[in-house]
Amino acid sequence: MKRIRILLSEMAPMLLDIVANIVAAQPDMDIVEGVESETDLLKAVEFSDADVVILSRRTPVQGEFDGLLRSRSCLKVIEIEGEGRCGSLYELRPHRVPLGEMSPAGLLDAIRISVRHCT
């Protein structure tokens, strides 16, 4: 069984301790490194061969992790928001959605649905 390599970054000390203790108790997970600043994050991910980055931000920024995710297509980023009560998962995930038989109405529905998912 492959162990999941987790890199922790940019968390307040108390939250860092909580997350580290949760992860350390898992038999299939390893904390590979910690990073204090965003500028070192890409280098640390490459060096540590991390599978998951866990970090904390007060205000999420759309597209902030695009470059990081594109550098390693299987990487996942878990962002713990606010005071640790909410989170988001970022991943690079191209996918195909079968639309079935095409008709003018089906095409228009597909356009509307695809746009709705992006807003």
PDB file of N, CA and C in Angstrom:
ATOM      1  N   MET A   1       0.838  -1.180   0.000  1.00  0.00           N
ATOM      2  CA  MET A   1       0.000   0.000   0.000  1.00  0.00           C
ATOM      3  C   MET A   1       0.885   1.246   0.000  1.00  0.00           C
ATOM      4  N   LYS A   2       0.634   2.144  -0.947  1.00  0.00           N
ATOM      5  CA  LYS A   2       1.393   3.388  -1.039  1.00  0.00           C
ATOM      6  C   LYS A   2       0.972   4.335   0.075  1.00  0.00           C
ATOM      7  N   ARG A   3       1.954   4.880   0.727  1.00  0.00           N
ATOM      8  CA  ARG A   3       1.667   5.846   1.779  1.00  0.00           C
ATOM      9  C   ARG A   3       1.406   7.207   1.149  1.00  0.00           C
ATOM     10  N   ILE A   4       0.490   7.945   1.723  1.00  0.00           N
ATOM     11  CA  ILE A   4       0.121   9.275   1.243  1.00  0.00           C
ATOM     12  C   ILE A   4       1.059  10.283   1.880  1.00  0.00           C
ATOM     13  N   ARG A   5       1.738  11.040   1.036  1.00  0.00           N
ATOM     14  CA  ARG A   5       2.725  12.011   1.501  1.00  0.00           C
ATOM     15  C   ARG A   5       2.055  13.386   1.595  1.00  0.00           C
ATOM     16  N   ILE A   6       2.064  13.959   2.795  1.00  0.00           N
ATOM     17  CA  ILE A   6       1.336  15.199   3.059  1.00  0.00           C
ATOM     18  C   ILE A   6       2.309  16.294   3.479  1.00  0.00           C
ATOM     19  N   LEU A   7       2.182  17.432   2.816  1.00  0.00           N
ATOM     20  CA  LEU A   7       2.990  18.595   3.125  1.00  0.00           C
ATOM     21  C   LEU A   7       2.084  19.633   3.791  1.00  0.00           C
ATOM     22  N   LEU A   8       2.486  20.145   4.930  1.00  0.00           N
ATOM     23  CA  LEU A   8       1.711  21.150   5.661  1.00  0.00           C
ATOM     24  C   LEU A   8       2.343  22.519   5.434  1.00  0.00           C
ATOM     25  N   SER A   9       1.495  23.526   5.219  1.00  0.00           N
ATOM     26  CA  SER A   9       2.021  24.850   4.899  1.00  0.00           C
ATOM     27  C   SER A   9       1.117  25.951   5.433  1.00  0.00           C
ATOM     28  N   GLU A  10       1.741  27.030   5.838  1.00  0.00           N
ATOM     29  CA  GLU A  10       1.057  28.287   6.144  1.00  0.00           C
ATOM     30  C   GLU A  10      -0.122  28.150   7.104  1.00  0.00           C
ATOM     31  N   MET A  11       0.115  27.528   8.241  1.00  0.00           N
ATOM     32  CA  MET A  11      -0.941  27.396   9.246  1.00  0.00           C
ATOM     33  C   MET A  11      -0.502  28.030  10.554  1.00  0.00           C
ATOM     34  N   ALA A  12      -1.466  28.537  11.278  1.00  0.00           N
ATOM     35  CA  ALA A  12      -1.199  29.025  12.630  1.00  0.00           C
ATOM     36  C   ALA A  12      -0.702  27.840  13.462  1.00  0.00           C
ATOM     37  N   PRO A  13       0.165  28.085  14.431  1.00  0.00           N
ATOM     38  CA  PRO A  13       0.751  26.986  15.196  1.00  0.00           C
ATOM     39  C   PRO A  13      -0.269  26.018  15.806  1.00  0.00           C
ATOM     40  N   MET A  14      -1.370  26.526  16.353  1.00  0.00           N
ATOM     41  CA  MET A  14      -2.351  25.635  16.973  1.00  0.00           C
ATOM     42  C   MET A  14      -3.011  24.740  15.924  1.00  0.00           C
ATOM     43  N   LEU A  15      -3.409  25.312  14.791  1.00  0.00           N
ATOM     44  CA  LEU A  15      -4.022  24.532  13.727  1.00  0.00           C
ATOM     45  C   LEU A  15      -3.023  23.533  13.149  1.00  0.00           C
ATOM     46  N   LEU A  16      -1.777  23.941  13.004  1.00  0.00           N
ATOM     47  CA  LEU A  16      -0.731  23.049  12.521  1.00  0.00           C
ATOM     48  C   LEU A  16      -0.590  21.835  13.432  1.00  0.00           C
ATOM     49  N   ASP A  17      -0.579  22.048  14.736  1.00  0.00           N
ATOM     50  CA  ASP A  17      -0.484  20.935  15.691  1.00  0.00           C
ATOM     51  C   ASP A  17      -1.679  19.998  15.578  1.00  0.00           C
ATOM     52  N   ILE A  18      -2.873  20.564  15.456  1.00  0.00           N
ATOM     53  CA  ILE A  18      -4.087  19.743  15.356  1.00  0.00           C
ATOM     54  C   ILE A  18      -4.041  18.884  14.099  1.00  0.00           C
ATOM     55  N   VAL A  19      -3.750  19.508  12.960  1.00  0.00           N
ATOM     56  CA  VAL A  19      -3.714  18.771  11.691  1.00  0.00           C
ATOM     57  C   VAL A  19      -2.596  17.734  11.711  1.00  0.00           C
ATOM     58  N   ALA A  20      -1.431  18.111  12.199  1.00  0.00           N
ATOM     59  CA  ALA A  20      -0.304  17.174  12.249  1.00  0.00           C
ATOM     60  C   ALA A  20      -0.637  15.958  13.112  1.00  0.00           C
ATOM     61  N   ASN A  21      -1.291  16.170  14.240  1.00  0.00           N
ATOM     62  CA  ASN A  21      -1.670  15.047  15.109  1.00  0.00           C
ATOM     63  C   ASN A  21      -2.701  14.146  14.448  1.00  0.00           C
ATOM     64  N   ILE A  22      -3.656  14.715  13.743  1.00  0.00           N
ATOM     65  CA  ILE A  22      -4.668  13.929  13.033  1.00  0.00           C
ATOM     66  C   ILE A  22      -4.001  13.057  11.976  1.00  0.00           C
ATOM     67  N   VAL A  23      -3.124  13.660  11.177  1.00  0.00           N
ATOM     68  CA  VAL A  23      -2.465  12.934  10.092  1.00  0.00           C
ATOM     69  C   VAL A  23      -1.489  11.895  10.640  1.00  0.00           C
ATOM     70  N   ALA A  24      -0.727  12.258  11.655  1.00  0.00           N
ATOM     71  CA  ALA A  24       0.280  11.352  12.207  1.00  0.00           C
ATOM     72  C   ALA A  24      -0.327  10.070  12.772  1.00  0.00           C
ATOM     73  N   ALA A  25      -1.570  10.115  13.179  1.00  0.00           N
ATOM     74  CA  ALA A  25      -2.228   8.936  13.740  1.00  0.00           C
ATOM     75  C   ALA A  25      -2.686   7.941  12.677  1.00  0.00           C
ATOM     76  N   GLN A  26      -2.547   8.292  11.402  1.00  0.00           N
ATOM     77  CA  GLN A  26      -3.021   7.431  10.319  1.00  0.00           C
ATOM     78  C   GLN A  26      -1.889   6.528   9.826  1.00  0.00           C
ATOM     79  N   PRO A  27      -2.148   5.227   9.703  1.00  0.00           N
ATOM     80  CA  PRO A  27      -1.087   4.304   9.299  1.00  0.00           C
ATOM     81  C   PRO A  27      -0.686   4.423   7.826  1.00  0.00           C
ATOM     82  N   ASP A  28      -1.502   5.069   7.011  1.00  0.00           N
ATOM     83  CA  ASP A  28      -1.198   5.168   5.579  1.00  0.00           C
ATOM     84  C   ASP A  28      -0.753   6.569   5.163  1.00  0.00           C
ATOM     85  N   MET A  29      -0.441   7.441   6.141  1.00  0.00           N
ATOM     86  CA  MET A  29      -0.070   8.815   5.825  1.00  0.00           C
ATOM     87  C   MET A  29       1.219   9.210   6.526  1.00  0.00           C
ATOM     88  N   ASP A  30       2.006  10.031   5.807  1.00  0.00           N
ATOM     89  CA  ASP A  30       3.240  10.592   6.358  1.00  0.00           C
ATOM     90  C   ASP A  30       3.248  12.091   6.133  1.00  0.00           C
ATOM     91  N   ILE A  31       3.692  12.830   7.133  1.00  0.00           N
ATOM     92  CA  ILE A  31       3.943  14.258   6.946  1.00  0.00           C
ATOM     93  C   ILE A  31       5.369  14.352   6.434  1.00  0.00           C
ATOM     94  N   VAL A  32       5.526  14.915   5.241  1.00  0.00           N
ATOM     95  CA  VAL A  32       6.841  14.923   4.609  1.00  0.00           C
ATOM     96  C   VAL A  32       7.631  16.182   4.864  1.00  0.00           C
ATOM     97  N   GLU A  33       6.962  17.260   5.113  1.00  0.00           N
ATOM     98  CA  GLU A  33       7.672  18.519   5.302  1.00  0.00           C
ATOM     99  C   GLU A  33       6.680  19.606   5.675  1.00  0.00           C
ATOM    100  N   GLY A  34       7.181  20.664   6.247  1.00  0.00           N
ATOM    101  CA  GLY A  34       6.373  21.843   6.496  1.00  0.00           C
ATOM    102  C   GLY A  34       6.997  23.027   5.776  1.00  0.00           C
ATOM    103  N   VAL A  35       6.168  23.942   5.339  1.00  0.00           N
ATOM    104  CA  VAL A  35       6.655  25.128   4.627  1.00  0.00           C
ATOM    105  C   VAL A  35       6.002  26.338   5.260  1.00  0.00           C
ATOM    106  N   GLU A  36       6.789  27.349   5.530  1.00  0.00           N
ATOM    107  CA  GLU A  36       6.243  28.538   6.186  1.00  0.00           C
ATOM    108  C   GLU A  36       5.741  29.591   5.221  1.00  0.00           C
ATOM    109  N   SER A  37       6.277  29.639   4.010  1.00  0.00           N
ATOM    110  CA  SER A  37       5.854  30.702   3.100  1.00  0.00           C
ATOM    111  C   SER A  37       5.433  30.138   1.756  1.00  0.00           C
ATOM    112  N   GLU A  38       4.554  30.855   1.091  1.00  0.00           N
ATOM    113  CA  GLU A  38       4.023  30.449  -0.204  1.00  0.00           C
ATOM    114  C   GLU A  38       5.117  30.367  -1.263  1.00  0.00           C
ATOM    115  N   THR A  39       6.153  31.195  -1.157  1.00  0.00           N
ATOM    116  CA  THR A  39       7.196  31.214  -2.179  1.00  0.00           C
ATOM    117  C   THR A  39       7.975  29.907  -2.230  1.00  0.00           C
ATOM    118  N   ASP A  40       8.056  29.196  -1.126  1.00  0.00           N
ATOM    119  CA  ASP A  40       8.790  27.930  -1.077  1.00  0.00           C
ATOM    120  C   ASP A  40       7.908  26.724  -1.396  1.00  0.00           C
ATOM    121  N   LEU A  41       6.624  26.933  -1.602  1.00  0.00           N
ATOM    122  CA  LEU A  41       5.681  25.833  -1.721  1.00  0.00           C
ATOM    123  C   LEU A  41       5.959  24.939  -2.929  1.00  0.00           C
ATOM    124  N   LEU A  42       6.138  25.494  -4.094  1.00  0.00           N
ATOM    125  CA  LEU A  42       6.379  24.691  -5.295  1.00  0.00           C
ATOM    126  C   LEU A  42       7.656  23.871  -5.152  1.00  0.00           C
ATOM    127  N   LYS A  43       8.707  24.494  -4.666  1.00  0.00           N
ATOM    128  CA  LYS A  43       9.971  23.776  -4.465  1.00  0.00           C
ATOM    129  C   LYS A  43       9.800  22.646  -3.459  1.00  0.00           C
ATOM    130  N   ALA A  44       9.087  22.916  -2.379  1.00  0.00           N
ATOM    131  CA  ALA A  44       8.883  21.897  -1.350  1.00  0.00           C
ATOM    132  C   ALA A  44       8.057  20.727  -1.878  1.00  0.00           C
ATOM    133  N   VAL A  45       7.039  21.021  -2.693  1.00  0.00           N
ATOM    134  CA  VAL A  45       6.215  19.953  -3.276  1.00  0.00           C
ATOM    135  C   VAL A  45       7.070  19.082  -4.177  1.00  0.00           C
ATOM    136  N   GLU A  46       7.879  19.702  -5.011  1.00  0.00           N
ATOM    137  CA  GLU A  46       8.746  18.939  -5.911  1.00  0.00           C
ATOM    138  C   GLU A  46       9.766  18.120  -5.132  1.00  0.00           C
ATOM    139  N   PHE A  47      10.397  18.713  -4.143  1.00  0.00           N
ATOM    140  CA  PHE A  47      11.430  18.025  -3.363  1.00  0.00           C
ATOM    141  C   PHE A  47      10.862  16.868  -2.546  1.00  0.00           C
ATOM    142  N   SER A  48       9.704  17.087  -1.942  1.00  0.00           N
ATOM    143  CA  SER A  48       9.132  16.082  -1.033  1.00  0.00           C
ATOM    144  C   SER A  48       8.303  15.031  -1.750  1.00  0.00           C
ATOM    145  N   ASP A  49       7.967  15.281  -3.014  1.00  0.00           N
ATOM    146  CA  ASP A  49       7.098  14.381  -3.783  1.00  0.00           C
ATOM    147  C   ASP A  49       5.749  14.217  -3.069  1.00  0.00           C
ATOM    148  N   ALA A  50       5.225  15.320  -2.560  1.00  0.00           N
ATOM    149  CA  ALA A  50       3.968  15.302  -1.807  1.00  0.00           C
ATOM    150  C   ALA A  50       2.794  14.930  -2.704  1.00  0.00           C
ATOM    151  N   ASP A  51       1.845  14.213  -2.111  1.00  0.00           N
ATOM    152  CA  ASP A  51       0.591  13.879  -2.785  1.00  0.00           C
ATOM    153  C   ASP A  51      -0.480  14.908  -2.456  1.00  0.00           C
ATOM    154  N   VAL A  52      -0.401  15.464  -1.254  1.00  0.00           N
ATOM    155  CA  VAL A  52      -1.412  16.406  -0.762  1.00  0.00           C
ATOM    156  C   VAL A  52      -0.701  17.548  -0.051  1.00  0.00           C
ATOM    157  N   VAL A  53      -1.163  18.769  -0.314  1.00  0.00           N
ATOM    158  CA  VAL A  53      -0.716  19.947   0.431  1.00  0.00           C
ATOM    159  C   VAL A  53      -1.912  20.392   1.263  1.00  0.00           C
ATOM    160  N   ILE A  54      -1.686  20.603   2.550  1.00  0.00           N
ATOM    161  CA  ILE A  54      -2.731  21.145   3.417  1.00  0.00           C
ATOM    162  C   ILE A  54      -2.236  22.491   3.914  1.00  0.00           C
ATOM    163  N   LEU A  55      -3.063  23.509   3.701  1.00  0.00           N
ATOM    164  CA  LEU A  55      -2.684  24.851   4.138  1.00  0.00           C
ATOM    165  C   LEU A  55      -3.916  25.605   4.610  1.00  0.00           C
ATOM    166  N   SER A  56      -3.675  26.756   5.168  1.00  0.00           N
ATOM    167  CA  SER A  56      -4.773  27.548   5.720  1.00  0.00           C
ATOM    168  C   SER A  56      -4.685  28.972   5.196  1.00  0.00           C
ATOM    169  N   ARG A  57      -5.837  29.505   4.835  1.00  0.00           N
ATOM    170  CA  ARG A  57      -5.925  30.888   4.371  1.00  0.00           C
ATOM    171  C   ARG A  57      -7.148  31.535   4.984  1.00  0.00           C
ATOM    172  N   ARG A  58      -7.070  32.814   5.249  1.00  0.00           N
ATOM    173  CA  ARG A  58      -8.237  33.528   5.751  1.00  0.00           C
ATOM    174  C   ARG A  58      -9.238  33.791   4.632  1.00  0.00           C
ATOM    175  N   THR A  59      -8.731  34.108   3.449  1.00  0.00           N
ATOM    176  CA  THR A  59      -9.606  34.420   2.323  1.00  0.00           C
ATOM    177  C   THR A  59      -9.113  33.655   1.094  1.00  0.00           C
ATOM    178  N   PRO A  60      -9.888  32.691   0.602  1.00  0.00           N
ATOM    179  CA  PRO A  60      -9.480  31.962  -0.595  1.00  0.00           C
ATOM    180  C   PRO A  60      -9.417  32.886  -1.813  1.00  0.00           C
ATOM    181  N   VAL A  61      -8.478  32.614  -2.715  1.00  0.00           N
ATOM    182  CA  VAL A  61      -8.310  33.393  -3.939  1.00  0.00           C
ATOM    183  C   VAL A  61      -8.513  32.462  -5.120  1.00  0.00           C
ATOM    184  N   GLN A  62      -9.478  32.789  -5.987  1.00  0.00           N
ATOM    185  CA  GLN A  62      -9.773  31.955  -7.151  1.00  0.00           C
ATOM    186  C   GLN A  62      -8.537  31.790  -8.033  1.00  0.00           C
ATOM    187  N   GLY A  63      -8.216  30.568  -8.401  1.00  0.00           N
ATOM    188  CA  GLY A  63      -7.109  30.292  -9.300  1.00  0.00           C
ATOM    189  C   GLY A  63      -5.740  30.337  -8.660  1.00  0.00           C
ATOM    190  N   GLU A  64      -5.690  30.492  -7.367  1.00  0.00           N
ATOM    191  CA  GLU A  64      -4.419  30.661  -6.668  1.00  0.00           C
ATOM    192  C   GLU A  64      -3.494  29.461  -6.809  1.00  0.00           C
ATOM    193  N   PHE A  65      -4.052  28.266  -6.941  1.00  0.00           N
ATOM    194  CA  PHE A  65      -3.236  27.058  -6.967  1.00  0.00           C
ATOM    195  C   PHE A  65      -3.099  26.460  -8.362  1.00  0.00           C
ATOM    196  N   ASP A  66      -3.535  27.173  -9.391  1.00  0.00           N
ATOM    197  CA  ASP A  66      -3.508  26.645 -10.749  1.00  0.00           C
ATOM    198  C   ASP A  66      -2.106  26.210 -11.173  1.00  0.00           C
ATOM    199  N   GLY A  67      -1.125  27.061 -10.980  1.00  0.00           N
ATOM    200  CA  GLY A  67       0.243  26.728 -11.374  1.00  0.00           C
ATOM    201  C   GLY A  67       0.781  25.538 -10.625  1.00  0.00           C
ATOM    202  N   LEU A  68       0.505  25.477  -9.341  1.00  0.00           N
ATOM    203  CA  LEU A  68       0.952  24.357  -8.515  1.00  0.00           C
ATOM    204  C   LEU A  68       0.311  23.057  -8.987  1.00  0.00           C
ATOM    205  N   LEU A  69      -0.983  23.069  -9.249  1.00  0.00           N
ATOM    206  CA  LEU A  69      -1.686  21.873  -9.696  1.00  0.00           C
ATOM    207  C   LEU A  69      -1.241  21.452 -11.086  1.00  0.00           C
ATOM    208  N   ARG A  70      -0.957  22.397 -11.942  1.00  0.00           N
ATOM    209  CA  ARG A  70      -0.483  22.058 -13.293  1.00  0.00           C
ATOM    210  C   ARG A  70       0.927  21.472 -13.259  1.00  0.00           C
ATOM    211  N   SER A  71       1.706  21.842 -12.259  1.00  0.00           N
ATOM    212  CA  SER A  71       3.073  21.313 -12.169  1.00  0.00           C
ATOM    213  C   SER A  71       3.083  19.837 -11.792  1.00  0.00           C
ATOM    214  N   ARG A  72       2.038  19.403 -11.118  1.00  0.00           N
ATOM    215  CA  ARG A  72       1.908  17.991 -10.706  1.00  0.00           C
ATOM    216  C   ARG A  72       0.437  17.624 -10.795  1.00  0.00           C
ATOM    217  N   SER A  73       0.064  16.967 -11.843  1.00  0.00           N
ATOM    218  CA  SER A  73      -1.357  16.743 -12.138  1.00  0.00           C
ATOM    219  C   SER A  73      -2.092  15.915 -11.092  1.00  0.00           C
ATOM    220  N   CYS A  74      -1.400  15.095 -10.333  1.00  0.00           N
ATOM    221  CA  CYS A  74      -2.082  14.265  -9.323  1.00  0.00           C
ATOM    222  C   CYS A  74      -2.129  14.932  -7.946  1.00  0.00           C
ATOM    223  N   LEU A  75      -1.487  16.060  -7.803  1.00  0.00           N
ATOM    224  CA  LEU A  75      -1.450  16.758  -6.519  1.00  0.00           C
ATOM    225  C   LEU A  75      -2.841  17.239  -6.123  1.00  0.00           C
ATOM    226  N   LYS A  76      -3.141  17.165  -4.846  1.00  0.00           N
ATOM    227  CA  LYS A  76      -4.364  17.723  -4.285  1.00  0.00           C
ATOM    228  C   LYS A  76      -3.962  18.787  -3.276  1.00  0.00           C
ATOM    229  N   VAL A  77      -4.735  19.859  -3.219  1.00  0.00           N
ATOM    230  CA  VAL A  77      -4.512  20.917  -2.233  1.00  0.00           C
ATOM    231  C   VAL A  77      -5.777  21.018  -1.386  1.00  0.00           C
ATOM    232  N   ILE A  78      -5.616  20.891  -0.086  1.00  0.00           N
ATOM    233  CA  ILE A  78      -6.734  21.083   0.838  1.00  0.00           C
ATOM    234  C   ILE A  78      -6.481  22.397   1.563  1.00  0.00           C
ATOM    235  N   GLU A  79      -7.418  23.304   1.380  1.00  0.00           N
ATOM    236  CA  GLU A  79      -7.314  24.628   1.992  1.00  0.00           C
ATOM    237  C   GLU A  79      -8.285  24.693   3.155  1.00  0.00           C
ATOM    238  N   ILE A  80      -7.747  24.903   4.343  1.00  0.00           N
ATOM    239  CA  ILE A  80      -8.574  25.069   5.529  1.00  0.00           C
ATOM    240  C   ILE A  80      -8.839  26.557   5.654  1.00  0.00           C
ATOM    241  N   GLU A  81     -10.103  26.910   5.686  1.00  0.00           N
ATOM    242  CA  GLU A  81     -10.483  28.316   5.622  1.00  0.00           C
ATOM    243  C   GLU A  81     -10.858  28.861   7.000  1.00  0.00           C
ATOM    244  N   GLY A  82     -10.717  30.166   7.125  1.00  0.00           N
ATOM    245  CA  GLY A  82     -11.122  30.850   8.346  1.00  0.00           C
ATOM    246  C   GLY A  82     -10.396  30.318   9.558  1.00  0.00           C
ATOM    247  N   GLU A  83     -11.151  29.913  10.541  1.00  0.00           N
ATOM    248  CA  GLU A  83     -10.571  29.417  11.794  1.00  0.00           C
ATOM    249  C   GLU A  83     -10.542  27.895  11.844  1.00  0.00           C
ATOM    250  N   GLY A  84     -10.551  27.256  10.698  1.00  0.00           N
ATOM    251  CA  GLY A  84     -10.457  25.796  10.666  1.00  0.00           C
ATOM    252  C   GLY A  84     -11.787  25.088  10.611  1.00  0.00           C
ATOM    253  N   ARG A  85     -12.855  25.816  10.398  1.00  0.00           N
ATOM    254  CA  ARG A  85     -14.187  25.204  10.405  1.00  0.00           C
ATOM    255  C   ARG A  85     -14.653  24.743   9.034  1.00  0.00           C
ATOM    256  N   CYS A  86     -14.055  25.271   7.967  1.00  0.00           N
ATOM    257  CA  CYS A  86     -14.449  24.920   6.600  1.00  0.00           C
ATOM    258  C   CYS A  86     -13.197  24.601   5.796  1.00  0.00           C
ATOM    259  N   GLY A  87     -13.404  23.935   4.695  1.00  0.00           N
ATOM    260  CA  GLY A  87     -12.277  23.629   3.836  1.00  0.00           C
ATOM    261  C   GLY A  87     -12.709  23.440   2.400  1.00  0.00           C
ATOM    262  N   SER A  88     -11.725  23.436   1.522  1.00  0.00           N
ATOM    263  CA  SER A  88     -11.961  23.221   0.097  1.00  0.00           C
ATOM    264  C   SER A  88     -10.872  22.308  -0.437  1.00  0.00           C
ATOM    265  N   LEU A  89     -11.248  21.504  -1.432  1.00  0.00           N
ATOM    266  CA  LEU A  89     -10.306  20.639  -2.119  1.00  0.00           C
ATOM    267  C   LEU A  89     -10.077  21.189  -3.514  1.00  0.00           C
ATOM    268  N   TYR A  90      -8.816  21.369  -3.874  1.00  0.00           N
ATOM    269  CA  TYR A  90      -8.446  21.811  -5.208  1.00  0.00           C
ATOM    270  C   TYR A  90      -7.767  20.644  -5.905  1.00  0.00           C
ATOM    271  N   GLU A  91      -8.130  20.434  -7.164  1.00  0.00           N
ATOM    272  CA  GLU A  91      -7.491  19.394  -7.949  1.00  0.00           C
ATOM    273  C   GLU A  91      -7.584  19.747  -9.425  1.00  0.00           C
ATOM    274  N   LEU A  92      -6.672  19.209 -10.189  1.00  0.00           N
ATOM    275  CA  LEU A  92      -6.695  19.361 -11.627  1.00  0.00           C
ATOM    276  C   LEU A  92      -7.400  18.117 -12.148  1.00  0.00           C
ATOM    277  N   ARG A  93      -8.590  18.302 -12.697  1.00  0.00           N
ATOM    278  CA  ARG A  93      -9.390  17.134 -13.028  1.00  0.00           C
ATOM    279  C   ARG A  93     -10.131  17.304 -14.347  1.00  0.00           C
ATOM    280  N   PRO A  94      -9.437  17.105 -15.435  1.00  0.00           N
ATOM    281  CA  PRO A  94     -10.178  17.095 -16.687  1.00  0.00           C
ATOM    282  C   PRO A  94     -11.150  15.921 -16.672  1.00  0.00           C
ATOM    283  N   HIS A  95     -12.336  16.147 -17.151  1.00  0.00           N
ATOM    284  CA  HIS A  95     -13.289  15.051 -17.194  1.00  0.00           C
ATOM    285  C   HIS A  95     -14.261  15.227 -18.353  1.00  0.00           C
ATOM    286  N   ARG A  96     -14.900  14.161 -18.703  1.00  0.00           N
ATOM    287  CA  ARG A  96     -15.828  14.146 -19.837  1.00  0.00           C
ATOM    288  C   ARG A  96     -17.217  13.861 -19.296  1.00  0.00           C
ATOM    289  N   VAL A  97     -18.175  14.612 -19.764  1.00  0.00           N
ATOM    290  CA  VAL A  97     -19.564  14.395 -19.375  1.00  0.00           C
ATOM    291  C   VAL A  97     -20.344  14.004 -20.629  1.00  0.00           C
ATOM    292  N   PRO A  98     -20.791  12.755 -20.726  1.00  0.00           N
ATOM    293  CA  PRO A  98     -21.583  12.353 -21.890  1.00  0.00           C
ATOM    294  C   PRO A  98     -22.895  13.137 -21.936  1.00  0.00           C
ATOM    295  N   LEU A  99     -23.216  13.671 -23.094  1.00  0.00           N
ATOM    296  CA  LEU A  99     -24.430  14.473 -23.252  1.00  0.00           C
ATOM    297  C   LEU A  99     -25.561  13.688 -23.916  1.00  0.00           C
ATOM    298  N   GLY A 100     -25.256  12.525 -24.410  1.00  0.00           N
ATOM    299  CA  GLY A 100     -26.295  11.737 -25.066  1.00  0.00           C
ATOM    300  C   GLY A 100     -26.592  12.276 -26.452  1.00  0.00           C
ATOM    301  N   GLU A 101     -27.745  11.928 -26.936  1.00  0.00           N
ATOM    302  CA  GLU A 101     -28.154  12.323 -28.280  1.00  0.00           C
ATOM    303  C   GLU A 101     -28.299  13.842 -28.354  1.00  0.00           C
ATOM    304  N   MET A 102     -27.694  14.434 -29.390  1.00  0.00           N
ATOM    305  CA  MET A 102     -27.730  15.889 -29.528  1.00  0.00           C
ATOM    306  C   MET A 102     -28.945  16.345 -30.335  1.00  0.00           C
ATOM    307  N   SER A 103     -29.536  17.400 -29.859  1.00  0.00           N
ATOM    308  CA  SER A 103     -30.631  18.080 -30.546  1.00  0.00           C
ATOM    309  C   SER A 103     -30.414  19.561 -30.293  1.00  0.00           C
ATOM    310  N   PRO A 104     -31.116  20.433 -30.984  1.00  0.00           N
ATOM    311  CA  PRO A 104     -30.965  21.868 -30.687  1.00  0.00           C
ATOM    312  C   PRO A 104     -31.241  22.171 -29.217  1.00  0.00           C
ATOM    313  N   ALA A 105     -32.282  21.600 -28.657  1.00  0.00           N
ATOM    314  CA  ALA A 105     -32.610  21.843 -27.243  1.00  0.00           C
ATOM    315  C   ALA A 105     -31.540  21.250 -26.327  1.00  0.00           C
ATOM    316  N   GLY A 106     -31.038  20.068 -26.680  1.00  0.00           N
ATOM    317  CA  GLY A 106     -29.984  19.439 -25.888  1.00  0.00           C
ATOM    318  C   GLY A 106     -28.701  20.243 -25.887  1.00  0.00           C
ATOM    319  N   LEU A 107     -28.372  20.805 -27.057  1.00  0.00           N
ATOM    320  CA  LEU A 107     -27.188  21.653 -27.156  1.00  0.00           C
ATOM    321  C   LEU A 107     -27.324  22.885 -26.269  1.00  0.00           C
ATOM    322  N   LEU A 108     -28.486  23.530 -26.324  1.00  0.00           N
ATOM    323  CA  LEU A 108     -28.708  24.727 -25.504  1.00  0.00           C
ATOM    324  C   LEU A 108     -28.690  24.395 -24.014  1.00  0.00           C
ATOM    325  N   ASP A 109     -29.259  23.255 -23.639  1.00  0.00           N
ATOM    326  CA  ASP A 109     -29.210  22.821 -22.236  1.00  0.00           C
ATOM    327  C   ASP A 109     -27.767  22.604 -21.784  1.00  0.00           C
ATOM    328  N   ALA A 110     -26.965  21.970 -22.652  1.00  0.00           N
ATOM    329  CA  ALA A 110     -25.563  21.708 -22.312  1.00  0.00           C
ATOM    330  C   ALA A 110     -24.800  23.012 -22.113  1.00  0.00           C
ATOM    331  N   ILE A 111     -25.063  23.990 -22.962  1.00  0.00           N
ATOM    332  CA  ILE A 111     -24.401  25.291 -22.815  1.00  0.00           C
ATOM    333  C   ILE A 111     -24.765  25.919 -21.481  1.00  0.00           C
ATOM    334  N   ARG A 112     -26.039  25.920 -21.158  1.00  0.00           N
ATOM    335  CA  ARG A 112     -26.487  26.546 -19.897  1.00  0.00           C
ATOM    336  C   ARG A 112     -25.935  25.814 -18.676  1.00  0.00           C
ATOM    337  N   ILE A 113     -25.971  24.499 -18.711  1.00  0.00           N
ATOM    338  CA  ILE A 113     -25.475  23.717 -17.574  1.00  0.00           C
ATOM    339  C   ILE A 113     -23.974  23.932 -17.394  1.00  0.00           C
ATOM    340  N   SER A 114     -23.222  23.935 -18.506  1.00  0.00           N
ATOM    341  CA  SER A 114     -21.779  24.093 -18.390  1.00  0.00           C
ATOM    342  C   SER A 114     -21.383  25.454 -17.830  1.00  0.00           C
ATOM    343  N   VAL A 115     -22.133  26.479 -18.200  1.00  0.00           N
ATOM    344  CA  VAL A 115     -21.866  27.819 -17.685  1.00  0.00           C
ATOM    345  C   VAL A 115     -22.254  27.918 -16.222  1.00  0.00           C
ATOM    346  N   ARG A 116     -23.345  27.290 -15.830  1.00  0.00           N
ATOM    347  CA  ARG A 116     -23.804  27.315 -14.438  1.00  0.00           C
ATOM    348  C   ARG A 116     -22.757  26.716 -13.501  1.00  0.00           C
ATOM    349  N   HIS A 117     -22.045  25.677 -13.956  1.00  0.00           N
ATOM    350  CA  HIS A 117     -21.035  25.035 -13.121  1.00  0.00           C
ATOM    351  C   HIS A 117     -19.793  25.894 -12.923  1.00  0.00           C
ATOM    352  N   CYS A 118     -19.624  26.890 -13.757  1.00  0.00           N
ATOM    353  CA  CYS A 118     -18.424  27.743 -13.685  1.00  0.00           C
ATOM    354  C   CYS A 118     -18.664  28.998 -12.861  1.00  0.00           C
ATOM    355  N   THR A 119     -19.889  29.251 -12.445  1.00  0.00           N
ATOM    356  CA  THR A 119     -20.138  30.490 -11.711  1.00  0.00           C
ATOM    357  C   THR A 119     -20.270  30.256 -10.243  1.00  0.00           C
TER     358      THR A 119
END
